Structure formats: C-alpha cells, structure tokens
N, C-alpha and C. Protein backbone atom coordinates (compact mmCIF):
# COMPACT_ATOMS: atom_id res chain seq x y z
N MET A 1 -44.28 -119.12 14.86
CA MET A 1 -43.37 -120.24 15.46
C MET A 1 -44.40 -121.27 14.70
N TYR A 2 -43.68 -122.34 14.77
CA TYR A 2 -44.91 -123.66 14.33
C TYR A 2 -44.77 -124.74 15.23
N ASP A 3 -45.69 -125.16 15.23
CA ASP A 3 -45.96 -126.37 17.05
C ASP A 3 -46.52 -127.52 16.31
N SER A 4 -45.96 -128.81 16.71
CA SER A 4 -47.33 -130.08 15.94
C SER A 4 -47.32 -131.53 17.28
N GLU A 5 -48.11 -131.81 17.22
CA GLU A 5 -48.19 -133.15 18.72
C GLU A 5 -47.69 -134.18 17.95
N ASP A 6 -47.74 -134.21 16.75
CA ASP A 6 -47.49 -134.92 15.88
C ASP A 6 -46.04 -135.33 15.63
N LYS A 7 -45.65 -137.00 16.65
CA LYS A 7 -44.10 -137.31 16.84
C LYS A 7 -44.07 -137.65 15.29
N ASN A 8 -44.48 -137.86 14.30
CA ASN A 8 -43.75 -138.56 13.00
C ASN A 8 -43.59 -136.77 12.61
N VAL A 9 -43.69 -135.88 12.65
CA VAL A 9 -42.85 -134.66 11.80
C VAL A 9 -42.18 -134.32 12.76
N LEU A 10 -40.85 -133.60 12.39
CA LEU A 10 -39.69 -133.22 13.18
C LEU A 10 -40.33 -131.57 12.88
N ILE A 11 -40.40 -130.98 13.91
CA ILE A 11 -40.21 -129.25 14.14
C ILE A 11 -38.83 -128.76 15.05
N LYS A 12 -38.43 -129.49 15.54
CA LYS A 12 -37.08 -128.89 16.71
C LYS A 12 -36.70 -130.65 16.90
N MET A 13 -35.06 -130.35 16.82
CA MET A 13 -34.55 -131.18 17.57
C MET A 13 -34.39 -131.45 18.79
N LYS A 14 -33.76 -132.36 19.60
CA LYS A 14 -33.75 -132.31 20.67
C LYS A 14 -32.82 -131.09 21.38
N HIS A 15 -33.10 -130.51 22.17
CA HIS A 15 -31.89 -129.91 23.12
C HIS A 15 -31.51 -130.05 24.39
N ASP A 16 -30.08 -129.60 23.98
CA ASP A 16 -29.30 -130.07 25.40
C ASP A 16 -28.43 -128.82 25.99
N GLY A 17 -29.17 -127.75 25.76
CA GLY A 17 -28.73 -126.47 26.14
C GLY A 17 -27.79 -126.05 25.45
N GLN A 18 -27.12 -126.75 24.55
CA GLN A 18 -25.89 -125.97 23.55
C GLN A 18 -26.38 -125.01 22.81
N LYS A 19 -27.37 -124.43 22.38
CA LYS A 19 -27.81 -123.08 21.93
C LYS A 19 -27.54 -123.63 20.15
N LYS A 20 -28.04 -124.75 19.92
CA LYS A 20 -27.71 -125.16 18.86
C LYS A 20 -28.85 -124.93 17.78
N VAL A 21 -28.91 -124.26 16.69
CA VAL A 21 -30.28 -124.15 15.77
C VAL A 21 -29.53 -125.09 14.44
N TYR A 22 -31.20 -124.95 13.46
CA TYR A 22 -30.39 -125.52 12.08
C TYR A 22 -31.15 -124.95 11.07
N LEU A 23 -30.40 -124.64 10.06
CA LEU A 23 -31.09 -124.00 8.84
C LEU A 23 -31.56 -124.92 7.32
N THR A 24 -32.62 -125.02 7.30
CA THR A 24 -33.70 -125.07 6.08
C THR A 24 -33.88 -124.44 5.27
N ILE A 25 -33.74 -124.71 3.85
CA ILE A 25 -33.71 -123.58 2.77
C ILE A 25 -34.83 -124.42 1.80
N ASP A 26 -35.56 -124.64 1.66
CA ASP A 26 -36.55 -124.02 0.33
C ASP A 26 -36.88 -123.69 -1.30
N ASP A 27 -37.92 -124.64 -1.56
CA ASP A 27 -37.86 -124.11 -2.89
C ASP A 27 -36.76 -123.50 -4.09
N GLY A 28 -35.97 -124.69 -3.72
CA GLY A 28 -35.03 -124.47 -5.13
C GLY A 28 -34.93 -125.81 -5.59
N PRO A 29 -33.36 -125.85 -6.72
CA PRO A 29 -32.70 -125.38 -6.40
C PRO A 29 -32.78 -123.79 -7.44
N SER A 30 -32.62 -123.03 -6.97
CA SER A 30 -32.75 -121.32 -7.77
C SER A 30 -31.40 -120.82 -8.35
N LYS A 31 -31.68 -119.36 -8.64
CA LYS A 31 -30.68 -119.27 -9.29
C LYS A 31 -29.63 -118.29 -8.86
N VAL A 32 -29.99 -117.89 -7.26
CA VAL A 32 -29.17 -117.54 -6.09
C VAL A 32 -28.76 -119.01 -5.13
N LEU A 33 -28.85 -120.05 -5.56
CA LEU A 33 -27.81 -121.14 -5.02
C LEU A 33 -26.26 -121.29 -5.17
N PRO A 34 -25.55 -120.66 -5.77
CA PRO A 34 -24.43 -120.08 -5.70
C PRO A 34 -23.76 -119.13 -5.21
N GLN A 35 -24.72 -118.31 -5.00
CA GLN A 35 -24.32 -116.88 -4.21
C GLN A 35 -24.72 -117.93 -2.26
N ILE A 36 -25.36 -118.22 -2.10
CA ILE A 36 -25.84 -118.68 -1.07
C ILE A 36 -24.65 -119.87 -0.22
N LEU A 37 -24.68 -120.68 -1.22
CA LEU A 37 -23.39 -121.67 -1.08
C LEU A 37 -22.28 -121.11 -0.27
N ASP A 38 -21.87 -119.56 -1.42
CA ASP A 38 -20.56 -119.05 -0.76
C ASP A 38 -21.02 -118.62 0.49
N ILE A 39 -22.00 -118.05 0.48
CA ILE A 39 -22.06 -117.55 2.06
C ILE A 39 -21.83 -118.18 3.31
N LEU A 40 -22.73 -119.59 3.12
CA LEU A 40 -22.76 -120.68 3.87
C LEU A 40 -21.13 -121.24 4.26
N LYS A 41 -20.45 -121.53 3.01
CA LYS A 41 -19.16 -122.03 2.97
C LYS A 41 -18.09 -121.04 3.83
N ASP A 42 -18.31 -119.83 3.64
CA ASP A 42 -17.62 -118.61 4.31
C ASP A 42 -17.77 -118.88 5.68
N GLU A 43 -19.23 -118.96 6.38
CA GLU A 43 -19.58 -118.88 7.57
C GLU A 43 -19.64 -120.17 8.47
N ASN A 44 -19.08 -121.19 7.29
CA ASN A 44 -19.31 -122.84 7.82
C ASN A 44 -20.70 -123.12 8.72
N VAL A 45 -22.04 -122.36 7.88
CA VAL A 45 -22.72 -123.08 8.19
C VAL A 45 -23.57 -124.21 7.40
N PRO A 46 -24.06 -125.39 8.10
CA PRO A 46 -24.27 -126.59 7.35
C PRO A 46 -26.08 -125.97 7.16
N ALA A 47 -26.73 -126.73 6.49
CA ALA A 47 -27.99 -126.73 6.08
C ALA A 47 -28.39 -128.10 4.73
N ILE A 48 -30.01 -128.07 5.30
CA ILE A 48 -31.24 -129.14 4.33
C ILE A 48 -31.34 -128.27 3.12
N PHE A 49 -31.40 -128.47 2.22
CA PHE A 49 -31.98 -127.93 1.04
C PHE A 49 -33.34 -129.05 0.63
N PHE A 50 -34.08 -128.29 0.77
CA PHE A 50 -35.70 -128.68 0.67
C PHE A 50 -35.88 -128.72 -0.95
N TRP A 51 -35.21 -129.25 -2.44
CA TRP A 51 -35.95 -128.79 -3.51
C TRP A 51 -37.18 -129.34 -4.09
N GLN A 52 -37.66 -128.53 -4.97
CA GLN A 52 -39.00 -129.48 -5.96
C GLN A 52 -38.31 -130.29 -7.48
N SER A 53 -38.07 -131.30 -7.04
CA SER A 53 -37.47 -132.31 -8.22
C SER A 53 -37.79 -131.62 -9.23
N ARG A 54 -38.91 -131.34 -9.96
CA ARG A 54 -38.92 -130.28 -11.34
C ARG A 54 -37.74 -129.42 -11.79
N LEU A 55 -36.99 -129.16 -10.64
CA LEU A 55 -35.85 -128.11 -10.74
C LEU A 55 -34.65 -128.49 -10.73
N ILE A 56 -34.42 -129.72 -10.38
CA ILE A 56 -33.08 -130.54 -10.81
C ILE A 56 -32.84 -131.11 -11.67
N TYR A 57 -31.51 -130.89 -12.68
CA TYR A 57 -30.92 -131.17 -13.84
C TYR A 57 -29.49 -131.32 -13.19
N ASP A 58 -28.75 -132.11 -14.13
CA ASP A 58 -27.07 -132.38 -13.81
C ASP A 58 -26.91 -130.95 -13.84
N GLU A 59 -26.85 -130.13 -14.67
CA GLU A 59 -26.14 -128.74 -15.13
C GLU A 59 -26.42 -128.00 -13.34
N ARG A 60 -27.54 -128.30 -12.79
CA ARG A 60 -27.45 -127.60 -11.39
C ARG A 60 -26.47 -128.05 -10.72
N PRO A 61 -26.26 -127.14 -9.80
CA PRO A 61 -24.58 -127.12 -8.74
C PRO A 61 -25.16 -127.74 -6.73
N TRP A 62 -25.73 -129.16 -7.39
CA TRP A 62 -26.22 -129.90 -6.66
C TRP A 62 -24.84 -130.75 -5.76
N LYS A 63 -23.94 -130.82 -6.50
CA LYS A 63 -23.03 -131.65 -6.39
C LYS A 63 -22.52 -130.92 -5.68
N ARG A 64 -22.24 -129.35 -5.45
CA ARG A 64 -21.36 -128.35 -4.90
C ARG A 64 -21.87 -128.62 -3.32
N VAL A 65 -22.92 -128.57 -3.35
CA VAL A 65 -24.17 -128.82 -1.92
C VAL A 65 -23.61 -129.81 -1.38
N LEU A 66 -23.63 -131.02 -2.03
CA LEU A 66 -23.19 -132.25 -1.18
C LEU A 66 -21.73 -132.30 -0.73
N ASP A 67 -21.11 -131.51 -1.60
CA ASP A 67 -19.28 -131.72 -1.17
C ASP A 67 -18.99 -130.85 -0.16
N GLU A 68 -20.02 -129.80 0.07
CA GLU A 68 -19.51 -128.81 0.49
C GLU A 68 -20.35 -129.46 1.99
N GLY A 69 -20.83 -130.19 2.29
CA GLY A 69 -21.33 -130.83 3.55
C GLY A 69 -22.89 -130.31 3.62
N HIS A 70 -23.79 -130.33 3.08
CA HIS A 70 -24.73 -129.85 3.07
C HIS A 70 -25.86 -131.33 2.63
N LEU A 71 -27.10 -131.21 3.16
CA LEU A 71 -27.69 -132.14 2.70
C LEU A 71 -28.98 -132.09 1.95
N ILE A 72 -29.68 -132.90 0.75
CA ILE A 72 -30.46 -132.56 -0.17
C ILE A 72 -31.87 -133.32 0.12
N GLY A 73 -32.82 -132.78 0.78
CA GLY A 73 -34.59 -133.59 1.38
C GLY A 73 -35.42 -133.08 -0.41
N THR A 74 -36.54 -133.60 -0.40
CA THR A 74 -37.23 -133.25 -1.33
C THR A 74 -38.67 -132.14 -0.67
N HIS A 75 -39.27 -131.40 -1.75
CA HIS A 75 -40.25 -130.74 -1.47
C HIS A 75 -41.25 -131.25 -2.41
N SER A 76 -41.35 -132.39 -2.83
CA SER A 76 -42.32 -132.60 -3.90
C SER A 76 -41.77 -132.10 -4.86
N THR A 77 -42.85 -132.43 -5.72
CA THR A 77 -42.32 -132.71 -7.53
C THR A 77 -42.62 -130.97 -8.59
N LYS A 78 -43.70 -130.99 -7.63
CA LYS A 78 -44.18 -129.38 -8.57
C LYS A 78 -44.61 -128.65 -7.22
N HIS A 79 -44.48 -128.84 -6.19
CA HIS A 79 -44.85 -127.84 -4.92
C HIS A 79 -46.64 -127.98 -4.80
N LYS A 80 -47.10 -128.91 -4.97
CA LYS A 80 -48.46 -128.79 -4.96
C LYS A 80 -48.72 -128.91 -3.38
N ASN A 81 -49.77 -128.57 -3.06
CA ASN A 81 -50.91 -128.47 -1.53
C ASN A 81 -51.03 -130.24 -1.53
N LEU A 82 -50.56 -131.16 -0.82
CA LEU A 82 -50.60 -132.30 -0.91
C LEU A 82 -51.98 -132.96 -0.23
N VAL A 83 -52.31 -131.70 0.74
CA VAL A 83 -53.44 -132.45 1.51
C VAL A 83 -55.10 -132.10 0.64
N LYS A 84 -55.05 -131.48 -1.03
CA LYS A 84 -55.81 -131.52 -1.74
C LYS A 84 -55.44 -132.54 -2.67
N LEU A 85 -54.62 -133.64 -2.82
CA LEU A 85 -54.84 -135.07 -3.12
C LEU A 85 -55.02 -135.82 -2.09
N SER A 86 -55.09 -137.54 -3.01
CA SER A 86 -54.99 -138.58 -2.48
C SER A 86 -54.16 -139.31 -1.69
N TYR A 87 -54.26 -140.25 -1.11
CA TYR A 87 -52.95 -140.99 -1.11
C TYR A 87 -51.93 -141.56 -1.67
N ALA A 88 -53.17 -142.24 -3.02
CA ALA A 88 -52.33 -142.47 -4.77
C ALA A 88 -51.24 -141.53 -4.77
N GLU A 89 -52.24 -140.16 -5.21
CA GLU A 89 -51.84 -139.30 -5.76
C GLU A 89 -50.39 -138.73 -5.06
N GLN A 90 -50.55 -138.76 -4.10
CA GLN A 90 -49.36 -138.05 -2.41
C GLN A 90 -48.02 -139.01 -2.68
N TYR A 91 -48.42 -140.48 -3.25
CA TYR A 91 -47.70 -141.21 -2.78
C TYR A 91 -46.97 -140.94 -4.16
N HIS A 92 -47.84 -141.27 -5.47
CA HIS A 92 -47.00 -140.81 -7.07
C HIS A 92 -45.98 -139.76 -6.92
N ASP A 93 -46.81 -138.43 -6.48
CA ASP A 93 -45.78 -137.46 -6.30
C ASP A 93 -44.36 -137.56 -5.50
N ILE A 94 -44.66 -137.74 -4.24
CA ILE A 94 -43.35 -138.18 -3.50
C ILE A 94 -42.54 -138.95 -4.08
N ASP A 95 -43.06 -140.08 -3.93
CA ASP A 95 -42.09 -141.03 -4.67
C ASP A 95 -40.95 -140.50 -6.28
N GLN A 96 -41.92 -140.37 -6.61
CA GLN A 96 -41.53 -139.57 -7.98
C GLN A 96 -40.07 -138.42 -8.03
N SER A 97 -40.40 -137.75 -6.94
CA SER A 97 -39.68 -136.71 -6.44
C SER A 97 -38.72 -136.94 -6.09
N VAL A 98 -38.72 -138.42 -5.10
CA VAL A 98 -37.37 -139.23 -3.93
C VAL A 98 -36.49 -140.09 -5.19
N LYS A 99 -37.07 -140.14 -6.38
CA LYS A 99 -36.75 -141.12 -7.35
C LYS A 99 -35.80 -140.08 -8.43
N LYS A 100 -36.16 -138.64 -8.95
CA LYS A 100 -35.44 -138.15 -9.80
C LYS A 100 -34.03 -137.67 -8.79
N LEU A 101 -34.83 -137.39 -7.54
CA LEU A 101 -33.20 -136.92 -6.93
C LEU A 101 -32.20 -137.95 -6.70
N GLU A 102 -33.02 -138.67 -6.37
CA GLU A 102 -31.66 -139.62 -5.86
C GLU A 102 -31.01 -140.45 -7.48
N GLN A 103 -31.57 -140.04 -8.50
CA GLN A 103 -30.95 -140.49 -9.80
C GLN A 103 -29.96 -139.64 -9.82
N VAL A 104 -30.42 -138.13 -9.79
CA VAL A 104 -29.53 -137.07 -10.28
C VAL A 104 -28.12 -137.22 -9.46
N ILE A 105 -28.54 -137.21 -8.23
CA ILE A 105 -27.85 -136.45 -7.18
C ILE A 105 -26.84 -137.88 -6.51
N GLY A 106 -27.15 -139.07 -6.99
CA GLY A 106 -26.84 -140.40 -6.68
C GLY A 106 -26.55 -140.79 -5.20
N THR A 107 -27.17 -140.17 -3.79
CA THR A 107 -27.35 -140.42 -2.65
C THR A 107 -28.60 -140.58 -2.20
N LYS A 108 -28.76 -141.46 -1.21
CA LYS A 108 -30.05 -141.78 -0.87
C LYS A 108 -31.21 -140.46 0.24
N VAL A 109 -32.10 -140.18 -0.34
CA VAL A 109 -32.94 -138.76 0.14
C VAL A 109 -33.58 -139.41 1.34
N LYS A 110 -33.24 -138.61 2.25
CA LYS A 110 -34.07 -139.55 3.71
C LYS A 110 -35.21 -138.04 4.70
N TYR A 111 -34.74 -137.22 3.49
CA TYR A 111 -35.82 -135.86 4.90
C TYR A 111 -36.21 -135.62 3.41
N PHE A 112 -37.90 -134.83 4.20
CA PHE A 112 -39.10 -134.86 3.20
C PHE A 112 -39.73 -133.64 3.59
N ARG A 113 -40.07 -132.70 2.98
CA ARG A 113 -41.30 -131.30 3.55
C ARG A 113 -42.09 -130.98 3.33
N PRO A 114 -43.15 -131.02 3.42
CA PRO A 114 -44.56 -131.12 2.80
C PRO A 114 -44.83 -129.26 2.14
N PRO A 115 -44.77 -129.39 0.88
CA PRO A 115 -45.49 -127.78 0.41
C PRO A 115 -46.07 -127.16 1.13
N TYR A 116 -45.63 -125.84 1.79
CA TYR A 116 -46.72 -124.93 2.65
C TYR A 116 -47.00 -125.44 3.92
N GLY A 117 -45.87 -126.30 4.15
CA GLY A 117 -46.17 -126.72 5.31
C GLY A 117 -47.50 -126.99 6.00
N GLN A 118 -48.37 -128.20 4.40
CA GLN A 118 -49.30 -128.74 4.42
C GLN A 118 -49.26 -129.83 4.71
N TYR A 119 -49.74 -130.66 5.46
CA TYR A 119 -49.90 -132.34 5.86
C TYR A 119 -50.91 -132.76 6.01
N ASN A 120 -51.51 -134.40 5.64
CA ASN A 120 -52.51 -134.85 6.59
C ASN A 120 -51.98 -136.15 6.89
N GLN A 121 -52.72 -137.27 7.14
CA GLN A 121 -52.22 -138.74 7.39
C GLN A 121 -51.38 -138.98 6.28
N ASP A 122 -52.66 -139.09 5.07
CA ASP A 122 -51.72 -139.77 3.83
C ASP A 122 -50.57 -139.23 3.59
N THR A 123 -50.36 -138.22 3.80
CA THR A 123 -48.75 -137.50 3.74
C THR A 123 -47.91 -138.35 4.93
N ILE A 124 -48.40 -138.47 6.00
CA ILE A 124 -47.18 -138.89 6.84
C ILE A 124 -46.78 -140.12 6.77
N ASP A 125 -48.30 -141.09 6.04
CA ASP A 125 -48.06 -142.02 5.83
C ASP A 125 -47.20 -142.91 4.84
N VAL A 126 -47.40 -142.10 3.75
CA VAL A 126 -47.08 -141.51 2.37
C VAL A 126 -44.82 -141.99 2.86
N ALA A 127 -44.81 -140.22 3.68
CA ALA A 127 -43.61 -140.25 4.23
C ALA A 127 -43.00 -141.19 4.78
N ASN A 128 -43.55 -142.11 6.27
CA ASN A 128 -43.10 -143.26 6.82
C ASN A 128 -42.91 -144.11 5.80
N LYS A 129 -43.64 -144.88 4.54
CA LYS A 129 -43.50 -145.69 3.68
C LYS A 129 -42.07 -145.73 2.95
N LEU A 130 -42.18 -144.19 2.51
CA LEU A 130 -40.93 -144.45 1.95
C LEU A 130 -39.76 -143.81 2.57
N GLN A 131 -39.50 -144.63 3.82
CA GLN A 131 -38.93 -144.05 4.67
C GLN A 131 -37.95 -142.87 4.92
N LEU A 132 -38.64 -141.93 4.68
CA LEU A 132 -38.55 -140.39 4.85
C LEU A 132 -38.91 -139.62 6.04
N THR A 133 -38.26 -139.05 6.74
CA THR A 133 -38.15 -137.97 7.65
C THR A 133 -38.99 -136.82 7.46
N THR A 134 -40.37 -136.77 7.79
CA THR A 134 -41.08 -135.08 7.72
C THR A 134 -40.35 -134.52 8.57
N VAL A 135 -39.80 -132.78 8.13
CA VAL A 135 -39.05 -131.81 8.06
C VAL A 135 -40.25 -130.77 7.80
N MET A 136 -40.74 -130.40 9.28
CA MET A 136 -40.91 -128.88 9.49
C MET A 136 -40.20 -128.12 9.76
N TRP A 137 -40.96 -127.07 10.91
CA TRP A 137 -39.53 -125.52 11.14
C TRP A 137 -40.27 -125.36 12.24
N ARG A 138 -39.45 -124.84 13.32
CA ARG A 138 -39.98 -124.25 14.40
C ARG A 138 -39.74 -122.83 14.15
N ILE A 139 -39.24 -122.02 13.49
CA ILE A 139 -38.95 -120.77 13.14
C ILE A 139 -39.00 -120.65 11.65
N ALA A 140 -40.05 -119.75 11.36
CA ALA A 140 -40.24 -118.97 10.27
C ALA A 140 -40.08 -118.12 9.72
N SER A 141 -39.01 -118.03 8.53
CA SER A 141 -38.26 -116.32 8.82
C SER A 141 -39.29 -115.46 7.87
N MET A 142 -40.52 -115.91 6.88
CA MET A 142 -41.37 -115.23 6.57
C MET A 142 -40.93 -114.65 5.49
N ASP A 143 -39.38 -115.20 4.53
CA ASP A 143 -39.24 -114.39 3.79
C ASP A 143 -39.88 -113.91 2.45
N TRP A 144 -40.46 -114.36 2.42
CA TRP A 144 -42.02 -115.00 1.26
C TRP A 144 -41.97 -112.77 0.90
N GLU A 145 -42.58 -112.72 2.07
CA GLU A 145 -43.14 -111.71 2.13
C GLU A 145 -42.53 -110.64 2.37
N HIS A 146 -41.46 -110.49 2.40
CA HIS A 146 -40.31 -109.56 2.59
C HIS A 146 -39.74 -108.99 1.94
N LYS A 147 -40.11 -109.00 0.39
CA LYS A 147 -39.09 -108.80 -0.62
C LYS A 147 -38.49 -107.26 -0.65
N LYS A 148 -39.36 -106.38 0.10
CA LYS A 148 -39.21 -104.84 -0.27
C LYS A 148 -38.29 -104.63 1.20
N ASP A 149 -38.45 -105.34 2.03
CA ASP A 149 -38.49 -105.27 3.53
C ASP A 149 -37.34 -105.81 4.07
N PRO A 150 -36.39 -106.82 3.12
CA PRO A 150 -35.83 -107.70 3.67
C PRO A 150 -35.18 -107.82 5.67
N GLN A 151 -35.30 -106.63 6.12
CA GLN A 151 -34.33 -106.91 7.30
C GLN A 151 -35.81 -106.80 8.34
N GLN A 152 -36.53 -107.42 8.13
CA GLN A 152 -37.69 -107.69 8.47
C GLN A 152 -37.29 -109.77 8.83
N ILE A 153 -36.86 -110.22 7.82
CA ILE A 153 -36.45 -111.64 7.79
C ILE A 153 -35.64 -111.78 8.78
N ILE A 154 -34.75 -111.25 9.52
CA ILE A 154 -34.03 -111.57 10.35
C ILE A 154 -35.07 -110.91 11.55
N SER A 155 -35.46 -110.10 11.75
CA SER A 155 -35.97 -110.26 13.04
C SER A 155 -37.63 -110.93 13.44
N HIS A 156 -37.78 -111.41 12.43
CA HIS A 156 -38.56 -112.50 12.50
C HIS A 156 -37.91 -114.08 12.97
N VAL A 157 -36.53 -114.34 12.80
CA VAL A 157 -35.57 -114.93 13.01
C VAL A 157 -35.39 -114.70 14.67
N ILE A 158 -34.74 -113.86 14.91
CA ILE A 158 -34.10 -113.76 16.35
C ILE A 158 -34.86 -113.24 17.08
N ASN A 159 -36.54 -113.09 16.90
CA ASN A 159 -37.43 -112.97 17.99
C ASN A 159 -37.57 -113.99 18.10
N HIS A 160 -37.59 -115.07 17.60
CA HIS A 160 -38.11 -116.70 18.08
C HIS A 160 -37.24 -117.74 18.36
N LEU A 161 -35.67 -117.15 18.59
CA LEU A 161 -34.90 -118.38 18.56
C LEU A 161 -34.88 -118.88 20.27
N GLU A 162 -34.56 -120.28 19.69
CA GLU A 162 -34.60 -121.18 20.68
C GLU A 162 -33.68 -122.10 20.45
N ASP A 163 -33.29 -123.04 21.66
CA ASP A 163 -32.39 -124.08 21.33
C ASP A 163 -33.21 -125.10 20.67
N GLY A 164 -32.60 -126.23 19.99
CA GLY A 164 -33.32 -126.63 18.89
C GLY A 164 -33.62 -126.53 17.43
N ALA A 165 -34.07 -124.87 17.40
CA ALA A 165 -34.87 -124.57 16.31
C ALA A 165 -34.55 -125.13 15.04
N ILE A 166 -35.52 -125.35 14.31
CA ILE A 166 -35.21 -125.75 12.94
C ILE A 166 -35.62 -124.19 12.08
N ILE A 167 -34.57 -123.91 11.49
CA ILE A 167 -35.26 -122.21 10.90
C ILE A 167 -35.49 -122.68 9.51
N LEU A 168 -36.25 -122.27 8.83
CA LEU A 168 -36.81 -121.78 7.24
C LEU A 168 -36.77 -120.79 6.60
N ILE A 169 -35.84 -120.72 5.79
CA ILE A 169 -35.70 -119.51 4.77
C ILE A 169 -35.79 -120.37 2.86
N HIS A 170 -35.76 -119.47 2.73
CA HIS A 170 -35.85 -119.81 0.96
C HIS A 170 -34.81 -119.25 -0.09
N GLU A 171 -34.50 -120.18 -1.21
CA GLU A 171 -33.71 -119.70 -2.16
C GLU A 171 -34.11 -118.44 -2.91
N LEU A 172 -34.49 -117.21 -2.30
CA LEU A 172 -34.92 -115.86 -2.96
C LEU A 172 -33.71 -114.74 -2.42
N SER A 173 -34.16 -113.67 -4.00
CA SER A 173 -33.32 -113.00 -3.58
C SER A 173 -32.98 -111.87 -2.25
N GLN A 174 -33.81 -111.79 -1.67
CA GLN A 174 -34.47 -110.83 -0.33
C GLN A 174 -33.71 -111.60 0.48
N THR A 175 -33.95 -113.08 0.66
CA THR A 175 -32.98 -113.61 1.86
C THR A 175 -31.32 -113.85 1.56
N LEU A 176 -30.99 -113.97 0.50
CA LEU A 176 -29.71 -114.17 0.43
C LEU A 176 -28.93 -112.57 0.59
N GLU A 177 -30.07 -111.50 0.03
CA GLU A 177 -29.13 -110.79 0.19
C GLU A 177 -29.27 -110.21 2.27
N ILE A 178 -29.86 -110.77 2.98
CA ILE A 178 -29.68 -110.70 4.24
C ILE A 178 -28.77 -111.45 5.43
N LEU A 179 -28.61 -112.99 4.62
CA LEU A 179 -28.01 -114.22 5.18
C LEU A 179 -26.70 -114.09 5.81
N PRO A 180 -25.89 -113.16 5.57
CA PRO A 180 -24.77 -112.83 5.98
C PRO A 180 -25.32 -112.03 7.37
N GLN A 181 -25.92 -111.06 7.30
CA GLN A 181 -26.46 -110.28 8.39
C GLN A 181 -27.11 -111.18 9.57
N LEU A 182 -28.21 -112.48 9.16
CA LEU A 182 -28.86 -113.09 9.88
C LEU A 182 -28.05 -114.14 10.20
N ILE A 183 -26.84 -114.61 9.74
CA ILE A 183 -26.35 -115.88 10.64
C ILE A 183 -25.32 -114.82 11.31
N LYS A 184 -24.61 -113.89 11.29
CA LYS A 184 -23.72 -113.05 12.55
C LYS A 184 -25.33 -113.09 13.79
N GLU A 185 -25.99 -112.23 13.57
CA GLU A 185 -27.10 -112.11 14.07
C GLU A 185 -27.39 -113.62 15.38
N VAL A 186 -27.73 -114.53 14.42
CA VAL A 186 -28.10 -115.46 15.17
C VAL A 186 -26.65 -115.86 16.07
N LYS A 187 -25.42 -116.10 15.48
CA LYS A 187 -24.36 -116.15 16.25
C LYS A 187 -23.74 -115.64 17.69
N ASP A 188 -24.08 -114.01 17.13
CA ASP A 188 -24.18 -113.25 18.28
C ASP A 188 -24.77 -113.02 19.41
N LYS A 189 -26.27 -114.14 19.34
CA LYS A 189 -26.77 -114.31 20.31
C LYS A 189 -26.25 -115.95 21.04
N GLY A 190 -25.11 -115.92 20.73
CA GLY A 190 -24.92 -117.50 21.71
C GLY A 190 -25.24 -118.84 20.58
N TYR A 191 -25.61 -118.55 19.59
CA TYR A 191 -26.58 -119.73 18.91
C TYR A 191 -25.69 -120.56 17.89
N SER A 192 -25.33 -121.83 17.63
CA SER A 192 -24.29 -121.94 16.81
C SER A 192 -25.26 -123.04 15.65
N PHE A 193 -25.12 -122.73 14.22
CA PHE A 193 -25.68 -124.31 12.89
C PHE A 193 -25.64 -125.44 13.44
N SER A 194 -26.31 -126.63 13.04
CA SER A 194 -25.89 -127.06 13.73
C SER A 194 -26.42 -128.48 12.43
N LYS A 195 -25.65 -129.29 12.38
CA LYS A 195 -25.85 -130.35 11.36
C LYS A 195 -27.04 -131.21 11.71
N PHE A 196 -28.25 -132.13 10.99
CA PHE A 196 -28.87 -132.92 11.23
C PHE A 196 -28.22 -134.03 11.69
C-alpha cells in the first residue's frame, strides 16, 4: 500500500462508505490494450490509462479508449525517473508528453502519474504549472513482479481493498490473463469500480 502526506498528490479518492475503487493502468499503449479494453467493456469497468507519449501514434486504439468512457493521462515521454532530472528537464519531459498526447487524442490531458511512482517537489511544481492532477495509487498490484504466478496479482489487490482506493495495474500479458478474475473478486467483495 502506498501513502503520502502531500496534498498535491492523489492516492485515494474521498470515501463515502459506498465501497468504490478506481482502476488505473500504466505503461501503454501496448499490444494487449485491445484485449484489456474488451474485458473492461464486458465488465463495465472504467479506467484511467497512463501512457508514455513515445508509444502513442494515430494507429493505436486511443480513440476506442475515449469512446468507451475511459480517460488517458500522461506517464511522461520515455518513463525516465524524473527525480534524477532538473526542474527544467522535468518540465520539458512532462510538457512534451502532454502536448503529444493532446495532439493525437484531441482532448485535454488532466492527469499525470510519475514513472516508478517517484517524484520530488520539482515534479509536483511542474504538474501544478501544467494544470495536471498528480495521481499515485493506494494499492499496487505488483503485476510486474508476477509474470510466472499471476494469481499473486489478485492477492495483492484483494488483500488491501478499501473504500476510495486507487488500484495500479499495467498493460502486461500476465495482467490481461487475470483481469476478469480480478474484477470479479473485487466486485464479490462488494466494491464497484468508479470513474474519476
């Protein structure tokens, strides 16, 4: 579980006892995106996709993402650890990422997730200057570590469910494999997936 005292960083939505959670999906667009979208559509689950702008082209199914009610946020240009960069370098990276995404998708980008979940005051200042909401997570699925045992992804999420939690998954084949079961188990615990 992730926690932060920084009021400029969103890790959890306000909870109102409704048992709502929020799905975020990083590191795309990838080759498994169409299948992930199929599952989300079948299960009526909204998500925010945090994409590296170097991976987005007109041919990617970004329009389908928006048409099906999801959001697209920036995850930087090339997934560099921003805390190792100066303010000017961070500004350039995030600004260029936002501009490229907006040019391709034709809508304003409002959300930002720092690569590796690493940020410093410069990162927050840049995001604020660019009018971006910095979104972290409360529950990390650890899907990047469980290629050989994807059932562990489900355990990481289910064992930490709480009202208002932002859940982090990635556009990975092992995540695709367990996504229907993960959604079912979250719903079986009485939670619903909500929009930002």
